[in-house]
Amino acid sequence: MAPTHLCAIAMEDGSVCLYDLAAKLWSTHKLCNTQQREVRALAWQPASGTVLAVGCTAGVCLWRIAFSGTTGALSGGHMQRVLPHAPVSCLAWHPLGSWLVAGSDQLGVVSLWAGGETSSAVSLWARGGGGVSILSISNCGGMLLAGWVSGGVRLYETRTWSWRTWEAFRGKRCVAAAWSGPAPLSSKGPRTLLVSFEGEPQLH
């Protein structure tokens, strides 16, 4: 899970600052690299607490946050690798942190990395007519929502990657999504998805 006492904030210069919520202090350690520019997405790896994915123009920068073994205080960050991709605008981790997906609002392709442990991405699909505007994974990890800049939403089943288009919202741009339902590795219980579309005051 993400560190409950740390908040990651992207800065205009491409660096990422960390704020300690418990101590109410900014960390003196910034996460910065020459390849990390125009940061547009941040995502903590679940079940890890120490890995932060940073979406930028070069792709995804994976950082490992280090803590002092004696005091537990933040002691720095080390960039593990850069996962090459078109400029990244949205990120989503599987609830167990086993894989990461990234999308670009400039390209209608979503890429998947297995736990970020390889620089070779698997392209799940491509779609013409606009880039990816949002990615959201269900609590159980069994469903992936993808929305496009040009409008439209698809729901993917993550075991077989079969998909269906949400026909009722064709042409509408999804700007937010929230899931409720069973925990990871559980297939029991209903799944509920709330979505919001650009220019509409109501939830669906």
N, C-alpha and C. Protein backbone atom coordinates (compact mmCIF):
# COMPACT_ATOMS: atom_id res chain seq x y z
N MET A 1 0.83 -1.18 0.00
CA MET A 1 0.00 0.00 0.00
C MET A 1 0.87 1.24 0.00
N ALA A 2 0.29 2.38 -0.42
CA ALA A 2 1.05 3.62 -0.43
C ALA A 2 1.35 4.05 1.00
N PRO A 3 2.49 4.71 1.21
CA PRO A 3 2.81 5.19 2.55
C PRO A 3 1.68 6.08 3.06
N THR A 4 1.11 5.74 4.19
CA THR A 4 -0.04 6.50 4.69
C THR A 4 0.36 7.88 5.16
N HIS A 5 1.66 8.12 5.36
CA HIS A 5 2.08 9.41 5.87
C HIS A 5 2.79 10.26 4.83
N LEU A 6 2.83 9.80 3.57
CA LEU A 6 3.51 10.55 2.52
C LEU A 6 2.55 10.94 1.41
N CYS A 7 2.72 12.15 0.92
CA CYS A 7 1.94 12.64 -0.21
C CYS A 7 2.92 13.09 -1.29
N ALA A 8 2.76 12.58 -2.51
CA ALA A 8 3.64 12.95 -3.62
C ALA A 8 2.98 14.04 -4.44
N ILE A 9 3.75 15.08 -4.74
CA ILE A 9 3.22 16.24 -5.47
C ILE A 9 4.17 16.59 -6.62
N ALA A 10 3.63 16.64 -7.84
CA ALA A 10 4.44 16.97 -9.01
C ALA A 10 4.61 18.48 -9.12
N MET A 11 5.83 18.89 -9.47
CA MET A 11 6.14 20.30 -9.61
C MET A 11 6.31 20.67 -11.09
N GLU A 12 6.26 21.96 -11.39
CA GLU A 12 6.34 22.41 -12.77
C GLU A 12 7.69 22.11 -13.41
N ASP A 13 8.74 21.99 -12.60
CA ASP A 13 10.07 21.74 -13.16
C ASP A 13 10.33 20.26 -13.43
N GLY A 14 9.33 19.40 -13.24
CA GLY A 14 9.48 17.98 -13.50
C GLY A 14 9.87 17.16 -12.29
N SER A 15 10.17 17.80 -11.18
CA SER A 15 10.52 17.07 -9.96
C SER A 15 9.25 16.69 -9.21
N VAL A 16 9.40 15.76 -8.27
CA VAL A 16 8.30 15.35 -7.40
C VAL A 16 8.72 15.57 -5.96
N CYS A 17 7.91 16.33 -5.23
CA CYS A 17 8.19 16.59 -3.82
C CYS A 17 7.34 15.68 -2.95
N LEU A 18 7.87 15.35 -1.77
CA LEU A 18 7.17 14.48 -0.83
C LEU A 18 6.86 15.24 0.44
N TYR A 19 5.59 15.16 0.85
CA TYR A 19 5.16 15.84 2.07
C TYR A 19 4.80 14.80 3.12
N ASP A 20 5.41 14.92 4.30
CA ASP A 20 5.16 14.01 5.41
C ASP A 20 3.95 14.51 6.18
N LEU A 21 2.83 13.81 6.05
CA LEU A 21 1.59 14.23 6.68
C LEU A 21 1.66 14.11 8.20
N ALA A 22 2.40 13.10 8.69
CA ALA A 22 2.49 12.90 10.14
C ALA A 22 3.32 14.00 10.79
N ALA A 23 4.45 14.30 10.17
CA ALA A 23 5.34 15.33 10.73
C ALA A 23 4.96 16.74 10.29
N LYS A 24 4.08 16.83 9.28
CA LYS A 24 3.67 18.12 8.71
C LYS A 24 4.87 18.90 8.20
N LEU A 25 5.74 18.16 7.47
CA LEU A 25 6.95 18.76 6.95
C LEU A 25 7.19 18.30 5.51
N TRP A 26 7.79 19.19 4.70
CA TRP A 26 8.25 18.81 3.37
C TRP A 26 9.58 18.09 3.49
N SER A 27 9.74 17.02 2.72
CA SER A 27 11.02 16.33 2.71
C SER A 27 12.05 17.16 1.96
N THR A 28 13.28 17.08 2.39
CA THR A 28 14.37 17.79 1.69
C THR A 28 14.80 17.02 0.44
N HIS A 29 14.30 15.81 0.27
CA HIS A 29 14.66 14.96 -0.87
C HIS A 29 13.64 15.13 -1.99
N LYS A 30 14.08 15.58 -3.16
CA LYS A 30 13.23 15.68 -4.33
C LYS A 30 13.52 14.52 -5.28
N LEU A 31 12.49 14.05 -5.95
CA LEU A 31 12.66 13.01 -6.96
C LEU A 31 12.79 13.70 -8.31
N CYS A 32 14.02 13.76 -8.83
CA CYS A 32 14.24 14.46 -10.09
C CYS A 32 15.28 13.74 -10.92
N ASN A 33 15.11 13.84 -12.24
CA ASN A 33 16.00 13.20 -13.19
C ASN A 33 15.88 13.94 -14.52
N THR A 34 16.94 13.94 -15.31
CA THR A 34 16.91 14.68 -16.57
C THR A 34 15.85 14.15 -17.54
N GLN A 35 15.50 12.87 -17.42
CA GLN A 35 14.47 12.29 -18.29
C GLN A 35 13.06 12.56 -17.81
N GLN A 36 12.94 13.02 -16.58
CA GLN A 36 11.62 13.23 -15.97
C GLN A 36 11.18 14.68 -16.16
N ARG A 37 10.37 14.90 -17.20
CA ARG A 37 9.88 16.24 -17.51
C ARG A 37 8.38 16.22 -17.75
N GLU A 38 7.73 17.34 -17.43
CA GLU A 38 6.29 17.49 -17.65
C GLU A 38 5.51 16.32 -17.04
N VAL A 39 5.60 16.21 -15.73
CA VAL A 39 4.91 15.13 -15.00
C VAL A 39 3.40 15.38 -15.00
N ARG A 40 2.64 14.35 -15.39
CA ARG A 40 1.19 14.49 -15.46
C ARG A 40 0.43 13.41 -14.70
N ALA A 41 1.14 12.42 -14.18
CA ALA A 41 0.45 11.35 -13.45
C ALA A 41 1.37 10.75 -12.40
N LEU A 42 0.80 10.44 -11.24
CA LEU A 42 1.53 9.81 -10.14
C LEU A 42 0.71 8.64 -9.60
N ALA A 43 1.36 7.52 -9.27
CA ALA A 43 0.63 6.38 -8.72
C ALA A 43 1.55 5.55 -7.84
N TRP A 44 1.17 5.40 -6.55
CA TRP A 44 1.91 4.53 -5.63
C TRP A 44 1.57 3.08 -5.94
N GLN A 45 2.57 2.21 -5.91
CA GLN A 45 2.34 0.78 -6.11
C GLN A 45 1.69 0.18 -4.87
N PRO A 46 0.48 -0.39 -5.00
CA PRO A 46 -0.17 -1.01 -3.85
C PRO A 46 0.67 -2.17 -3.30
N ALA A 47 0.51 -2.44 -2.02
CA ALA A 47 1.20 -3.54 -1.34
C ALA A 47 2.71 -3.35 -1.33
N SER A 48 3.17 -2.19 -1.69
CA SER A 48 4.61 -1.91 -1.70
C SER A 48 4.95 -0.87 -0.65
N GLY A 49 4.36 0.29 -0.78
CA GLY A 49 4.64 1.38 0.15
C GLY A 49 5.91 2.13 -0.13
N THR A 50 6.69 1.66 -1.11
CA THR A 50 7.96 2.32 -1.38
C THR A 50 8.19 2.64 -2.86
N VAL A 51 7.30 2.19 -3.75
CA VAL A 51 7.50 2.41 -5.19
C VAL A 51 6.47 3.40 -5.72
N LEU A 52 6.97 4.42 -6.40
CA LEU A 52 6.12 5.46 -6.98
C LEU A 52 6.34 5.50 -8.48
N ALA A 53 5.25 5.40 -9.25
CA ALA A 53 5.31 5.53 -10.71
C ALA A 53 5.01 6.98 -11.07
N VAL A 54 5.87 7.55 -11.91
CA VAL A 54 5.73 8.95 -12.32
C VAL A 54 5.57 9.00 -13.83
N GLY A 55 4.41 9.44 -14.31
CA GLY A 55 4.17 9.53 -15.75
C GLY A 55 4.64 10.87 -16.29
N CYS A 56 5.46 10.84 -17.33
CA CYS A 56 6.04 12.07 -17.88
C CYS A 56 6.23 11.92 -19.39
N THR A 57 6.94 12.87 -20.01
CA THR A 57 7.10 12.85 -21.46
C THR A 57 7.92 11.66 -21.94
N ALA A 58 8.83 11.15 -21.12
CA ALA A 58 9.69 10.02 -21.51
C ALA A 58 9.01 8.68 -21.32
N GLY A 59 7.92 8.64 -20.58
CA GLY A 59 7.24 7.39 -20.26
C GLY A 59 6.92 7.34 -18.78
N VAL A 60 7.34 6.27 -18.12
CA VAL A 60 7.09 6.10 -16.68
C VAL A 60 8.42 5.95 -15.95
N CYS A 61 8.68 6.84 -15.02
CA CYS A 61 9.86 6.73 -14.15
C CYS A 61 9.43 6.02 -12.87
N LEU A 62 10.12 4.93 -12.55
CA LEU A 62 9.82 4.18 -11.33
C LEU A 62 10.83 4.54 -10.25
N TRP A 63 10.34 5.05 -9.14
CA TRP A 63 11.18 5.45 -8.01
C TRP A 63 10.93 4.53 -6.83
N ARG A 64 12.01 4.19 -6.13
CA ARG A 64 11.89 3.48 -4.86
C ARG A 64 12.29 4.42 -3.74
N ILE A 65 11.36 4.60 -2.80
CA ILE A 65 11.58 5.51 -1.68
C ILE A 65 12.26 4.75 -0.55
N ALA A 66 13.29 5.36 0.04
CA ALA A 66 14.03 4.72 1.13
C ALA A 66 13.73 5.39 2.46
N PHE A 67 13.67 4.59 3.49
CA PHE A 67 13.41 5.09 4.84
C PHE A 67 14.52 4.64 5.79
N SER A 68 14.78 5.44 6.79
CA SER A 68 15.78 5.11 7.79
C SER A 68 15.35 3.89 8.59
N GLY A 69 16.28 2.96 8.78
CA GLY A 69 15.97 1.76 9.53
C GLY A 69 15.81 2.00 11.02
N THR A 70 16.30 3.12 11.52
CA THR A 70 16.23 3.41 12.96
C THR A 70 15.07 4.34 13.31
N THR A 71 14.92 5.40 12.51
CA THR A 71 13.88 6.39 12.83
C THR A 71 12.63 6.24 11.98
N GLY A 72 12.75 5.55 10.85
CA GLY A 72 11.61 5.43 9.95
C GLY A 72 11.39 6.66 9.08
N ALA A 73 12.26 7.64 9.21
CA ALA A 73 12.12 8.87 8.44
C ALA A 73 12.58 8.66 7.00
N LEU A 74 12.03 9.44 6.09
CA LEU A 74 12.41 9.37 4.70
C LEU A 74 13.89 9.72 4.54
N SER A 75 14.63 8.85 3.85
CA SER A 75 16.07 9.10 3.69
C SER A 75 16.48 9.33 2.24
N GLY A 76 15.53 9.28 1.31
CA GLY A 76 15.85 9.57 -0.08
C GLY A 76 15.04 8.73 -1.04
N GLY A 77 15.38 8.85 -2.32
CA GLY A 77 14.70 8.09 -3.35
C GLY A 77 15.66 7.72 -4.46
N HIS A 78 15.46 6.53 -5.04
CA HIS A 78 16.35 6.06 -6.11
C HIS A 78 15.49 5.68 -7.31
N MET A 79 15.80 6.25 -8.49
CA MET A 79 15.05 5.90 -9.68
C MET A 79 15.54 4.56 -10.20
N GLN A 80 14.66 3.57 -10.22
CA GLN A 80 15.03 2.22 -10.62
C GLN A 80 15.20 2.10 -12.13
N ARG A 81 14.26 2.66 -12.88
CA ARG A 81 14.31 2.56 -14.33
C ARG A 81 13.28 3.48 -14.95
N VAL A 82 13.43 3.68 -16.27
CA VAL A 82 12.44 4.42 -17.05
C VAL A 82 11.77 3.42 -18.00
N LEU A 83 10.45 3.36 -17.95
CA LEU A 83 9.68 2.51 -18.86
C LEU A 83 9.28 3.36 -20.06
N PRO A 84 9.90 3.15 -21.22
CA PRO A 84 9.65 4.02 -22.38
C PRO A 84 8.20 3.95 -22.85
N HIS A 85 7.67 5.10 -23.24
CA HIS A 85 6.27 5.19 -23.67
C HIS A 85 6.07 6.56 -24.28
N ALA A 86 5.00 6.71 -25.04
CA ALA A 86 4.59 8.05 -25.47
C ALA A 86 4.28 8.86 -24.22
N PRO A 87 4.29 10.20 -24.29
CA PRO A 87 4.02 11.01 -23.09
C PRO A 87 2.82 10.50 -22.30
N VAL A 88 3.05 10.17 -21.04
CA VAL A 88 2.03 9.52 -20.21
C VAL A 88 1.14 10.56 -19.53
N SER A 89 -0.16 10.35 -19.63
CA SER A 89 -1.12 11.25 -18.99
C SER A 89 -1.97 10.55 -17.94
N CYS A 90 -1.96 9.21 -17.89
CA CYS A 90 -2.72 8.50 -16.86
C CYS A 90 -2.05 7.16 -16.55
N LEU A 91 -2.16 6.77 -15.27
CA LEU A 91 -1.55 5.55 -14.76
C LEU A 91 -2.55 4.81 -13.86
N ALA A 92 -2.41 3.50 -13.79
CA ALA A 92 -3.21 2.72 -12.84
C ALA A 92 -2.49 1.42 -12.52
N TRP A 93 -2.42 1.10 -11.22
CA TRP A 93 -1.83 -0.16 -10.76
C TRP A 93 -2.94 -1.18 -10.49
N HIS A 94 -2.63 -2.44 -10.72
CA HIS A 94 -3.48 -3.52 -10.21
C HIS A 94 -3.50 -3.40 -8.69
N PRO A 95 -4.63 -3.72 -8.02
CA PRO A 95 -4.72 -3.55 -6.57
C PRO A 95 -3.66 -4.29 -5.76
N LEU A 96 -3.08 -5.35 -6.33
CA LEU A 96 -2.00 -6.06 -5.64
C LEU A 96 -0.62 -5.59 -6.08
N GLY A 97 -0.58 -4.63 -6.99
CA GLY A 97 0.69 -4.09 -7.46
C GLY A 97 1.41 -5.00 -8.44
N SER A 98 0.70 -5.99 -9.00
CA SER A 98 1.34 -6.97 -9.86
C SER A 98 1.58 -6.46 -11.28
N TRP A 99 0.81 -5.49 -11.73
CA TRP A 99 1.08 -4.88 -13.03
C TRP A 99 0.59 -3.44 -13.06
N LEU A 100 1.15 -2.72 -14.02
CA LEU A 100 0.90 -1.28 -14.17
C LEU A 100 0.46 -1.01 -15.60
N VAL A 101 -0.55 -0.15 -15.77
CA VAL A 101 -0.96 0.28 -17.11
C VAL A 101 -0.78 1.78 -17.22
N ALA A 102 -0.45 2.22 -18.44
CA ALA A 102 -0.24 3.64 -18.70
C ALA A 102 -0.89 4.00 -20.03
N GLY A 103 -1.39 5.22 -20.09
CA GLY A 103 -2.00 5.70 -21.33
C GLY A 103 -1.54 7.10 -21.63
N SER A 104 -1.69 7.51 -22.88
CA SER A 104 -1.29 8.84 -23.33
C SER A 104 -2.47 9.50 -24.04
N ASP A 105 -2.70 10.78 -23.73
CA ASP A 105 -3.78 11.48 -24.41
C ASP A 105 -3.39 11.88 -25.83
N GLN A 106 -2.17 11.53 -26.23
CA GLN A 106 -1.72 11.78 -27.60
C GLN A 106 -1.76 10.54 -28.47
N LEU A 107 -1.99 9.37 -27.86
CA LEU A 107 -1.92 8.10 -28.59
C LEU A 107 -2.93 7.13 -28.00
N GLY A 108 -3.72 6.50 -28.86
CA GLY A 108 -4.77 5.60 -28.38
C GLY A 108 -4.27 4.20 -28.09
N VAL A 109 -3.17 4.09 -27.35
CA VAL A 109 -2.61 2.79 -26.99
C VAL A 109 -2.41 2.74 -25.48
N VAL A 110 -2.78 1.63 -24.87
CA VAL A 110 -2.52 1.42 -23.45
C VAL A 110 -1.45 0.35 -23.32
N SER A 111 -0.42 0.63 -22.52
CA SER A 111 0.69 -0.30 -22.35
C SER A 111 0.66 -0.89 -20.95
N LEU A 112 1.09 -2.15 -20.84
CA LEU A 112 1.09 -2.88 -19.57
C LEU A 112 2.49 -3.39 -19.28
N TRP A 113 2.92 -3.20 -18.02
CA TRP A 113 4.17 -3.77 -17.53
C TRP A 113 3.85 -4.65 -16.34
N ALA A 114 4.46 -5.83 -16.29
CA ALA A 114 4.23 -6.75 -15.18
C ALA A 114 5.05 -6.31 -13.98
N GLY A 115 4.43 -5.55 -13.09
CA GLY A 115 5.10 -5.10 -11.88
C GLY A 115 6.20 -4.10 -12.13
N GLY A 116 6.30 -3.61 -13.37
CA GLY A 116 7.34 -2.65 -13.69
C GLY A 116 8.73 -3.26 -13.71
N GLU A 117 8.83 -4.58 -13.76
CA GLU A 117 10.13 -5.24 -13.67
C GLU A 117 10.81 -5.43 -15.02
N THR A 118 10.15 -5.00 -16.08
CA THR A 118 10.76 -5.12 -17.41
C THR A 118 10.49 -3.86 -18.19
N SER A 119 11.43 -3.49 -19.07
CA SER A 119 11.24 -2.30 -19.89
C SER A 119 10.43 -2.60 -21.14
N SER A 120 10.06 -3.88 -21.35
CA SER A 120 9.28 -4.27 -22.51
C SER A 120 7.80 -4.24 -22.17
N ALA A 121 7.08 -3.32 -22.80
CA ALA A 121 5.65 -3.19 -22.53
C ALA A 121 4.84 -4.06 -23.48
N VAL A 122 3.68 -4.47 -23.03
CA VAL A 122 2.72 -5.17 -23.87
C VAL A 122 1.63 -4.17 -24.23
N SER A 123 1.41 -3.98 -25.53
CA SER A 123 0.34 -3.07 -25.97
C SER A 123 -0.98 -3.83 -25.95
N LEU A 124 -1.89 -3.38 -25.11
CA LEU A 124 -3.16 -4.08 -24.96
C LEU A 124 -4.06 -3.88 -26.17
N TRP A 125 -4.08 -2.67 -26.68
CA TRP A 125 -4.90 -2.39 -27.85
C TRP A 125 -4.54 -1.01 -28.39
N ALA A 126 -5.01 -0.75 -29.59
CA ALA A 126 -4.85 0.57 -30.20
C ALA A 126 -6.21 1.02 -30.71
N ARG A 127 -6.41 2.32 -30.71
CA ARG A 127 -7.69 2.86 -31.17
C ARG A 127 -7.41 4.19 -31.85
N GLY A 128 -7.93 4.37 -33.01
CA GLY A 128 -7.76 5.63 -33.71
C GLY A 128 -8.72 6.68 -33.20
N GLY A 129 -8.45 7.94 -33.53
CA GLY A 129 -9.40 9.00 -33.22
C GLY A 129 -9.22 9.62 -31.86
N GLY A 130 -8.06 9.55 -31.28
CA GLY A 130 -7.85 10.22 -30.01
C GLY A 130 -7.09 9.39 -29.02
N GLY A 131 -6.47 10.05 -28.05
CA GLY A 131 -5.68 9.37 -27.05
C GLY A 131 -6.51 8.91 -25.86
N VAL A 132 -5.82 8.35 -24.88
CA VAL A 132 -6.46 7.82 -23.67
C VAL A 132 -6.58 8.93 -22.63
N SER A 133 -7.77 9.12 -22.09
CA SER A 133 -8.00 10.19 -21.12
C SER A 133 -8.03 9.70 -19.68
N ILE A 134 -8.39 8.43 -19.46
CA ILE A 134 -8.50 7.92 -18.09
C ILE A 134 -8.37 6.41 -18.08
N LEU A 135 -7.75 5.89 -17.01
CA LEU A 135 -7.65 4.45 -16.75
C LEU A 135 -8.04 4.21 -15.30
N SER A 136 -8.85 3.19 -15.05
CA SER A 136 -9.28 2.90 -13.69
C SER A 136 -9.51 1.40 -13.55
N ILE A 137 -8.91 0.78 -12.52
CA ILE A 137 -9.00 -0.66 -12.30
C ILE A 137 -9.90 -0.93 -11.10
N SER A 138 -10.75 -1.95 -11.21
CA SER A 138 -11.67 -2.30 -10.12
C SER A 138 -10.91 -2.78 -8.89
N ASN A 139 -11.58 -2.73 -7.74
CA ASN A 139 -10.96 -3.13 -6.47
C ASN A 139 -10.45 -4.57 -6.50
N CYS A 140 -11.13 -5.45 -7.22
CA CYS A 140 -10.72 -6.85 -7.28
C CYS A 140 -9.67 -7.08 -8.36
N GLY A 141 -9.43 -6.10 -9.21
CA GLY A 141 -8.45 -6.22 -10.28
C GLY A 141 -8.96 -6.91 -11.52
N GLY A 142 -10.24 -7.28 -11.53
CA GLY A 142 -10.79 -8.04 -12.64
C GLY A 142 -11.29 -7.22 -13.81
N MET A 143 -11.45 -5.89 -13.61
CA MET A 143 -11.98 -5.03 -14.66
C MET A 143 -11.11 -3.79 -14.82
N LEU A 144 -10.97 -3.35 -16.05
CA LEU A 144 -10.24 -2.12 -16.36
C LEU A 144 -11.13 -1.22 -17.20
N LEU A 145 -11.33 0.00 -16.74
CA LEU A 145 -12.05 1.00 -17.53
C LEU A 145 -11.05 1.86 -18.28
N ALA A 146 -11.31 2.11 -19.54
CA ALA A 146 -10.48 3.01 -20.34
C ALA A 146 -11.39 3.99 -21.07
N GLY A 147 -11.04 5.28 -20.98
CA GLY A 147 -11.81 6.30 -21.68
C GLY A 147 -10.90 7.05 -22.63
N TRP A 148 -11.50 7.60 -23.69
CA TRP A 148 -10.71 8.28 -24.71
C TRP A 148 -11.03 9.76 -24.80
N VAL A 149 -10.03 10.51 -25.22
CA VAL A 149 -10.15 11.96 -25.35
C VAL A 149 -11.30 12.32 -26.29
N SER A 150 -11.44 11.57 -27.36
CA SER A 150 -12.48 11.85 -28.35
C SER A 150 -13.86 11.40 -27.89
N GLY A 151 -13.92 10.75 -26.73
CA GLY A 151 -15.19 10.26 -26.20
C GLY A 151 -15.31 8.76 -26.32
N GLY A 152 -16.05 8.17 -25.40
CA GLY A 152 -16.24 6.73 -25.41
C GLY A 152 -15.53 6.04 -24.26
N VAL A 153 -16.13 4.94 -23.81
CA VAL A 153 -15.60 4.17 -22.68
C VAL A 153 -15.64 2.69 -23.04
N ARG A 154 -14.57 1.98 -22.68
CA ARG A 154 -14.54 0.52 -22.82
C ARG A 154 -14.26 -0.10 -21.47
N LEU A 155 -14.85 -1.27 -21.24
CA LEU A 155 -14.59 -2.06 -20.05
C LEU A 155 -13.91 -3.36 -20.48
N TYR A 156 -12.76 -3.64 -19.85
CA TYR A 156 -11.98 -4.83 -20.18
C TYR A 156 -11.98 -5.79 -19.00
N GLU A 157 -12.12 -7.08 -19.32
CA GLU A 157 -11.98 -8.15 -18.33
C GLU A 157 -10.51 -8.54 -18.36
N THR A 158 -9.81 -8.44 -17.22
CA THR A 158 -8.35 -8.50 -17.22
C THR A 158 -7.75 -9.90 -17.27
N ARG A 159 -8.57 -10.93 -17.22
CA ARG A 159 -8.02 -12.28 -17.36
C ARG A 159 -7.85 -12.66 -18.84
N THR A 160 -8.83 -12.32 -19.66
CA THR A 160 -8.79 -12.65 -21.08
C THR A 160 -8.60 -11.43 -21.96
N TRP A 161 -8.75 -10.23 -21.38
CA TRP A 161 -8.69 -8.95 -22.08
C TRP A 161 -9.77 -8.84 -23.16
N SER A 162 -10.88 -9.54 -22.94
CA SER A 162 -12.05 -9.29 -23.77
C SER A 162 -12.65 -7.96 -23.33
N TRP A 163 -13.38 -7.31 -24.23
CA TRP A 163 -13.87 -5.97 -23.91
C TRP A 163 -15.24 -5.73 -24.51
N ARG A 164 -15.90 -4.70 -23.99
CA ARG A 164 -17.14 -4.22 -24.57
C ARG A 164 -17.20 -2.71 -24.45
N THR A 165 -17.81 -2.08 -25.42
CA THR A 165 -17.96 -0.63 -25.41
C THR A 165 -19.23 -0.26 -24.65
N TRP A 166 -19.13 0.77 -23.83
CA TRP A 166 -20.30 1.27 -23.10
C TRP A 166 -21.10 2.14 -24.06
N GLU A 167 -22.02 1.52 -24.78
CA GLU A 167 -22.72 2.19 -25.88
C GLU A 167 -23.52 3.41 -25.43
N ALA A 168 -24.05 3.37 -24.21
CA ALA A 168 -24.88 4.48 -23.73
C ALA A 168 -24.10 5.79 -23.63
N PHE A 169 -22.75 5.68 -23.56
CA PHE A 169 -21.94 6.89 -23.38
C PHE A 169 -20.99 7.12 -24.55
N ARG A 170 -21.34 6.60 -25.69
CA ARG A 170 -20.51 6.81 -26.88
C ARG A 170 -20.41 8.32 -27.19
N GLY A 171 -19.19 8.79 -27.42
CA GLY A 171 -18.98 10.19 -27.75
C GLY A 171 -18.83 11.10 -26.54
N LYS A 172 -18.98 10.55 -25.32
CA LYS A 172 -18.84 11.36 -24.11
C LYS A 172 -17.48 11.09 -23.48
N ARG A 173 -16.82 12.15 -23.02
CA ARG A 173 -15.49 12.01 -22.43
C ARG A 173 -15.58 11.77 -20.93
N CYS A 174 -15.07 10.62 -20.49
CA CYS A 174 -15.07 10.27 -19.07
C CYS A 174 -13.92 11.01 -18.37
N VAL A 175 -14.23 11.69 -17.28
CA VAL A 175 -13.21 12.47 -16.57
C VAL A 175 -12.92 11.93 -15.17
N ALA A 176 -13.77 11.04 -14.65
CA ALA A 176 -13.52 10.46 -13.32
C ALA A 176 -14.26 9.14 -13.20
N ALA A 177 -13.68 8.21 -12.42
CA ALA A 177 -14.30 6.90 -12.20
C ALA A 177 -13.94 6.40 -10.81
N ALA A 178 -14.89 5.73 -10.15
CA ALA A 178 -14.65 5.19 -8.81
C ALA A 178 -15.37 3.85 -8.69
N TRP A 179 -14.63 2.85 -8.15
CA TRP A 179 -15.16 1.50 -8.01
C TRP A 179 -15.45 1.18 -6.55
N SER A 180 -16.41 0.30 -6.32
CA SER A 180 -16.57 -0.37 -5.03
C SER A 180 -16.81 -1.84 -5.33
N GLY A 181 -16.61 -2.69 -4.35
CA GLY A 181 -16.82 -4.11 -4.60
C GLY A 181 -15.84 -4.97 -3.84
N PRO A 182 -15.71 -6.25 -4.22
CA PRO A 182 -14.87 -7.20 -3.48
C PRO A 182 -13.39 -6.85 -3.54
N ALA A 183 -12.65 -7.36 -2.57
CA ALA A 183 -11.21 -7.11 -2.48
C ALA A 183 -10.47 -7.91 -3.54
N PRO A 184 -9.16 -7.62 -3.74
CA PRO A 184 -8.36 -8.38 -4.70
C PRO A 184 -8.41 -9.88 -4.44
N LEU A 185 -8.38 -10.66 -5.53
CA LEU A 185 -8.42 -12.13 -5.53
C LEU A 185 -9.79 -12.69 -5.17
N SER A 186 -10.77 -11.81 -4.97
CA SER A 186 -12.11 -12.26 -4.64
C SER A 186 -13.03 -12.02 -5.83
N SER A 187 -13.81 -13.01 -6.19
CA SER A 187 -14.77 -12.85 -7.29
C SER A 187 -16.20 -12.78 -6.78
N LYS A 188 -16.34 -12.80 -5.46
CA LYS A 188 -17.66 -12.80 -4.87
C LYS A 188 -18.11 -11.37 -4.57
N GLY A 189 -19.41 -11.17 -4.72
CA GLY A 189 -19.97 -9.86 -4.41
C GLY A 189 -20.09 -8.99 -5.64
N PRO A 190 -21.04 -8.05 -5.62
CA PRO A 190 -21.25 -7.17 -6.77
C PRO A 190 -20.17 -6.11 -6.89
N ARG A 191 -19.96 -5.64 -8.11
CA ARG A 191 -19.05 -4.54 -8.38
C ARG A 191 -19.87 -3.34 -8.80
N THR A 192 -19.55 -2.18 -8.24
CA THR A 192 -20.25 -0.95 -8.60
C THR A 192 -19.25 0.05 -9.15
N LEU A 193 -19.62 0.70 -10.25
CA LEU A 193 -18.75 1.69 -10.89
C LEU A 193 -19.52 2.98 -11.06
N LEU A 194 -18.97 4.08 -10.55
CA LEU A 194 -19.52 5.41 -10.74
C LEU A 194 -18.61 6.18 -11.68
N VAL A 195 -19.19 6.82 -12.69
CA VAL A 195 -18.40 7.59 -13.64
C VAL A 195 -18.99 8.98 -13.82
N SER A 196 -18.11 9.91 -14.18
CA SER A 196 -18.52 11.28 -14.45
C SER A 196 -18.01 11.67 -15.84
N PHE A 197 -18.85 12.40 -16.58
CA PHE A 197 -18.49 12.79 -17.93
C PHE A 197 -18.39 14.31 -18.05
N GLU A 198 -17.53 14.74 -18.92
CA GLU A 198 -17.28 16.16 -19.12
C GLU A 198 -18.56 16.90 -19.48
N GLY A 199 -18.82 18.00 -18.74
CA GLY A 199 -19.98 18.83 -19.03
C GLY A 199 -21.29 18.34 -18.45
N GLU A 200 -21.26 17.20 -17.70
CA GLU A 200 -22.51 16.67 -17.12
C GLU A 200 -22.44 16.76 -15.59
N PRO A 201 -23.48 17.28 -14.94
CA PRO A 201 -23.45 17.46 -13.48
C PRO A 201 -23.73 16.17 -12.71
N GLN A 202 -24.32 15.16 -13.34
CA GLN A 202 -24.71 13.95 -12.62
C GLN A 202 -23.70 12.83 -12.78
N LEU A 203 -23.75 11.88 -11.83
CA LEU A 203 -22.94 10.66 -11.89
C LEU A 203 -23.75 9.56 -12.55
N HIS A 204 -23.06 8.60 -13.15
CA HIS A 204 -23.71 7.46 -13.80
C HIS A 204 -23.21 6.16 -13.19
